[in-house]
Amino acid sequence: MSEGLKGSCDEGSLGECAACGKETELFELPGREENFCDECSADIATSILLSTEIDEATRTGAETSGLVAEFLQLGRRLLSRAQL
């Protein structure tokens, strides 16, 4: 098993991505039960980080519009991929 920034992947672990449904090599994200393809795992990991940053910016009264725009873009990309 290899470890990386996106979690882990069993060599040759194929299955259906929990987000987009594509049959491909799957990756685990820490703290998540679902397995995702490379593209979805990257977007989901990024959305988790953005969500944390948005919460912190909101808490401190900082500007959030750029972070929210990026979060929405990620959501659209995931939705688009899931509808293919």
N, C-alpha and C. Protein backbone atom coordinates (compact mmCIF):
# COMPACT_ATOMS: atom_id res chain seq x y z
N MET A 1 0.85 -1.17 0.00
CA MET A 1 0.00 0.00 0.00
C MET A 1 0.89 1.23 0.00
N SER A 2 0.56 2.23 -0.83
CA SER A 2 1.36 3.45 -0.87
C SER A 2 0.62 4.57 -0.15
N GLU A 3 1.37 5.41 0.52
CA GLU A 3 0.81 6.55 1.24
C GLU A 3 1.13 7.82 0.49
N GLY A 4 0.22 8.78 0.50
CA GLY A 4 0.45 10.05 -0.16
C GLY A 4 -0.41 11.13 0.44
N LEU A 5 -0.38 12.29 -0.17
CA LEU A 5 -1.15 13.42 0.32
C LEU A 5 -2.64 13.17 0.26
N LYS A 6 -3.09 12.35 -0.66
CA LYS A 6 -4.51 12.11 -0.85
C LYS A 6 -5.02 10.93 -0.05
N GLY A 7 -4.21 10.35 0.78
CA GLY A 7 -4.61 9.19 1.53
C GLY A 7 -3.83 8.00 1.08
N SER A 8 -4.50 6.87 0.88
CA SER A 8 -3.78 5.67 0.49
C SER A 8 -4.51 4.95 -0.62
N CYS A 9 -3.76 4.08 -1.26
CA CYS A 9 -4.31 3.29 -2.35
C CYS A 9 -3.67 1.92 -2.32
N ASP A 10 -4.50 0.90 -2.36
CA ASP A 10 -3.96 -0.45 -2.50
C ASP A 10 -3.58 -0.64 -3.95
N GLU A 11 -2.37 -1.14 -4.19
CA GLU A 11 -1.94 -1.38 -5.56
C GLU A 11 -2.96 -2.28 -6.26
N GLY A 12 -3.46 -1.82 -7.40
CA GLY A 12 -4.40 -2.61 -8.16
C GLY A 12 -5.81 -2.60 -7.61
N SER A 13 -6.11 -1.74 -6.62
CA SER A 13 -7.44 -1.65 -6.04
C SER A 13 -8.37 -0.93 -7.01
N LEU A 14 -9.23 -1.70 -7.65
CA LEU A 14 -10.17 -1.12 -8.60
C LEU A 14 -11.58 -1.22 -8.04
N GLY A 15 -12.39 -0.27 -8.41
CA GLY A 15 -13.78 -0.27 -7.97
C GLY A 15 -14.47 0.96 -8.49
N GLU A 16 -15.67 1.20 -7.97
CA GLU A 16 -16.47 2.33 -8.41
C GLU A 16 -16.29 3.51 -7.45
N CYS A 17 -15.94 4.66 -8.01
CA CYS A 17 -15.76 5.88 -7.22
C CYS A 17 -17.08 6.24 -6.55
N ALA A 18 -17.03 6.55 -5.26
CA ALA A 18 -18.23 6.90 -4.50
C ALA A 18 -18.83 8.23 -4.93
N ALA A 19 -18.06 9.08 -5.60
CA ALA A 19 -18.57 10.39 -6.02
C ALA A 19 -19.05 10.40 -7.47
N CYS A 20 -18.24 9.89 -8.38
CA CYS A 20 -18.58 9.99 -9.81
C CYS A 20 -19.03 8.68 -10.43
N GLY A 21 -18.77 7.57 -9.75
CA GLY A 21 -19.19 6.28 -10.25
C GLY A 21 -18.27 5.64 -11.27
N LYS A 22 -17.16 6.31 -11.58
CA LYS A 22 -16.23 5.77 -12.56
C LYS A 22 -15.54 4.53 -12.01
N GLU A 23 -15.43 3.51 -12.85
CA GLU A 23 -14.73 2.27 -12.48
C GLU A 23 -13.24 2.50 -12.74
N THR A 24 -12.46 2.57 -11.66
CA THR A 24 -11.05 2.92 -11.78
C THR A 24 -10.31 2.56 -10.49
N GLU A 25 -9.03 2.90 -10.44
CA GLU A 25 -8.25 2.74 -9.23
C GLU A 25 -8.80 3.69 -8.16
N LEU A 26 -8.97 3.19 -6.96
CA LEU A 26 -9.59 3.99 -5.89
C LEU A 26 -8.60 4.36 -4.80
N PHE A 27 -8.89 5.48 -4.15
CA PHE A 27 -8.06 6.02 -3.08
C PHE A 27 -8.92 6.23 -1.84
N GLU A 28 -8.31 6.06 -0.69
CA GLU A 28 -8.97 6.32 0.59
C GLU A 28 -8.55 7.69 1.09
N LEU A 29 -9.49 8.42 1.66
CA LEU A 29 -9.18 9.68 2.32
C LEU A 29 -9.28 9.45 3.82
N PRO A 30 -8.35 9.98 4.59
CA PRO A 30 -8.39 9.82 6.05
C PRO A 30 -9.73 10.31 6.61
N GLY A 31 -10.34 9.51 7.45
CA GLY A 31 -11.59 9.89 8.09
C GLY A 31 -12.83 9.66 7.24
N ARG A 32 -12.66 9.09 6.05
CA ARG A 32 -13.80 8.83 5.16
C ARG A 32 -13.91 7.33 4.92
N GLU A 33 -15.13 6.82 4.89
CA GLU A 33 -15.33 5.41 4.62
C GLU A 33 -15.35 5.12 3.12
N GLU A 34 -15.77 6.12 2.32
CA GLU A 34 -15.88 5.93 0.89
C GLU A 34 -14.52 5.93 0.22
N ASN A 35 -14.43 5.32 -0.96
CA ASN A 35 -13.23 5.35 -1.78
C ASN A 35 -13.51 6.15 -3.04
N PHE A 36 -12.51 6.90 -3.50
CA PHE A 36 -12.70 7.82 -4.61
C PHE A 36 -11.62 7.64 -5.67
N CYS A 37 -11.96 8.03 -6.91
CA CYS A 37 -10.96 8.06 -7.97
C CYS A 37 -9.97 9.19 -7.68
N ASP A 38 -8.91 9.23 -8.44
CA ASP A 38 -7.86 10.24 -8.23
C ASP A 38 -8.42 11.66 -8.31
N GLU A 39 -9.21 11.95 -9.35
CA GLU A 39 -9.74 13.30 -9.52
C GLU A 39 -10.67 13.70 -8.38
N CYS A 40 -11.60 12.82 -8.05
CA CYS A 40 -12.56 13.13 -6.98
C CYS A 40 -11.88 13.22 -5.62
N SER A 41 -10.91 12.35 -5.37
CA SER A 41 -10.24 12.40 -4.06
C SER A 41 -9.50 13.73 -3.89
N ALA A 42 -8.90 14.23 -4.97
CA ALA A 42 -8.20 15.52 -4.90
C ALA A 42 -9.20 16.64 -4.64
N ASP A 43 -10.33 16.62 -5.35
CA ASP A 43 -11.33 17.68 -5.17
C ASP A 43 -11.97 17.62 -3.79
N ILE A 44 -12.25 16.42 -3.30
CA ILE A 44 -12.87 16.29 -1.98
C ILE A 44 -11.91 16.71 -0.88
N ALA A 45 -10.65 16.32 -1.00
CA ALA A 45 -9.65 16.74 -0.01
C ALA A 45 -9.52 18.26 -0.01
N THR A 46 -9.51 18.86 -1.20
CA THR A 46 -9.42 20.32 -1.30
C THR A 46 -10.67 20.98 -0.71
N SER A 47 -11.84 20.41 -0.96
CA SER A 47 -13.07 21.00 -0.42
C SER A 47 -13.11 20.93 1.10
N ILE A 48 -12.55 19.87 1.68
CA ILE A 48 -12.48 19.76 3.14
C ILE A 48 -11.60 20.87 3.70
N LEU A 49 -10.45 21.09 3.06
CA LEU A 49 -9.55 22.17 3.49
C LEU A 49 -10.19 23.54 3.32
N LEU A 50 -10.85 23.76 2.18
CA LEU A 50 -11.51 25.05 1.93
C LEU A 50 -12.61 25.30 2.95
N SER A 51 -13.36 24.27 3.28
CA SER A 51 -14.43 24.41 4.27
C SER A 51 -13.87 24.86 5.61
N THR A 52 -12.76 24.27 6.00
CA THR A 52 -12.10 24.66 7.26
C THR A 52 -11.63 26.11 7.19
N GLU A 53 -11.05 26.50 6.06
CA GLU A 53 -10.57 27.87 5.89
C GLU A 53 -11.72 28.88 5.88
N ILE A 54 -12.83 28.52 5.25
CA ILE A 54 -14.01 29.39 5.22
C ILE A 54 -14.56 29.57 6.63
N ASP A 55 -14.66 28.48 7.38
CA ASP A 55 -15.14 28.55 8.76
C ASP A 55 -14.26 29.46 9.61
N GLU A 56 -12.95 29.30 9.46
CA GLU A 56 -12.02 30.11 10.24
C GLU A 56 -12.10 31.58 9.84
N ALA A 57 -12.17 31.86 8.55
CA ALA A 57 -12.28 33.24 8.07
C ALA A 57 -13.58 33.88 8.57
N THR A 58 -14.65 33.12 8.54
CA THR A 58 -15.94 33.62 9.04
C THR A 58 -15.85 33.93 10.53
N ARG A 59 -15.23 33.02 11.26
CA ARG A 59 -15.09 33.20 12.71
C ARG A 59 -14.31 34.45 13.06
N THR A 60 -13.28 34.76 12.26
CA THR A 60 -12.44 35.92 12.55
C THR A 60 -12.88 37.19 11.84
N GLY A 61 -13.93 37.09 11.04
CA GLY A 61 -14.44 38.26 10.33
C GLY A 61 -13.66 38.61 9.08
N ALA A 62 -12.86 37.68 8.58
CA ALA A 62 -12.07 37.92 7.36
C ALA A 62 -12.93 37.73 6.12
N GLU A 63 -12.44 38.23 5.00
CA GLU A 63 -13.12 38.11 3.71
C GLU A 63 -13.15 36.64 3.28
N THR A 64 -14.31 36.18 2.83
CA THR A 64 -14.45 34.78 2.43
C THR A 64 -14.87 34.59 0.98
N SER A 65 -15.13 35.66 0.25
CA SER A 65 -15.71 35.51 -1.10
C SER A 65 -14.82 34.70 -2.04
N GLY A 66 -13.52 34.89 -2.00
CA GLY A 66 -12.62 34.12 -2.87
C GLY A 66 -12.63 32.64 -2.52
N LEU A 67 -12.63 32.33 -1.22
CA LEU A 67 -12.67 30.94 -0.78
C LEU A 67 -14.01 30.28 -1.14
N VAL A 68 -15.10 31.03 -0.96
CA VAL A 68 -16.42 30.50 -1.29
C VAL A 68 -16.53 30.25 -2.80
N ALA A 69 -16.00 31.16 -3.61
CA ALA A 69 -16.03 30.98 -5.06
C ALA A 69 -15.26 29.72 -5.48
N GLU A 70 -14.11 29.49 -4.87
CA GLU A 70 -13.33 28.29 -5.18
C GLU A 70 -14.07 27.04 -4.72
N PHE A 71 -14.71 27.10 -3.55
CA PHE A 71 -15.48 25.98 -3.03
C PHE A 71 -16.63 25.64 -3.98
N LEU A 72 -17.33 26.65 -4.48
CA LEU A 72 -18.43 26.44 -5.42
C LEU A 72 -17.93 25.83 -6.73
N GLN A 73 -16.78 26.28 -7.20
CA GLN A 73 -16.19 25.74 -8.42
C GLN A 73 -15.88 24.25 -8.25
N LEU A 74 -15.32 23.88 -7.11
CA LEU A 74 -15.05 22.47 -6.83
C LEU A 74 -16.34 21.65 -6.82
N GLY A 75 -17.37 22.20 -6.19
CA GLY A 75 -18.66 21.51 -6.15
C GLY A 75 -19.23 21.29 -7.53
N ARG A 76 -19.14 22.31 -8.38
CA ARG A 76 -19.63 22.17 -9.76
C ARG A 76 -18.83 21.11 -10.52
N ARG A 77 -17.53 21.09 -10.31
CA ARG A 77 -16.68 20.11 -10.99
C ARG A 77 -17.05 18.69 -10.55
N LEU A 78 -17.25 18.48 -9.26
CA LEU A 78 -17.65 17.16 -8.75
C LEU A 78 -19.02 16.76 -9.31
N LEU A 79 -19.95 17.68 -9.31
CA LEU A 79 -21.30 17.40 -9.82
C LEU A 79 -21.26 17.07 -11.31
N SER A 80 -20.49 17.83 -12.05
CA SER A 80 -20.35 17.59 -13.48
C SER A 80 -19.78 16.21 -13.75
N ARG A 81 -18.75 15.84 -13.00
CA ARG A 81 -18.11 14.53 -13.17
C ARG A 81 -19.09 13.41 -12.81
N ALA A 82 -19.93 13.62 -11.80
CA ALA A 82 -20.87 12.60 -11.36
C ALA A 82 -22.00 12.41 -12.38
N GLN A 83 -22.29 13.43 -13.17
CA GLN A 83 -23.39 13.34 -14.14
C GLN A 83 -22.96 12.81 -15.49
N LEU A 84 -21.68 12.51 -15.67
CA LEU A 84 -21.21 11.98 -16.96
C LEU A 84 -21.67 10.55 -17.18
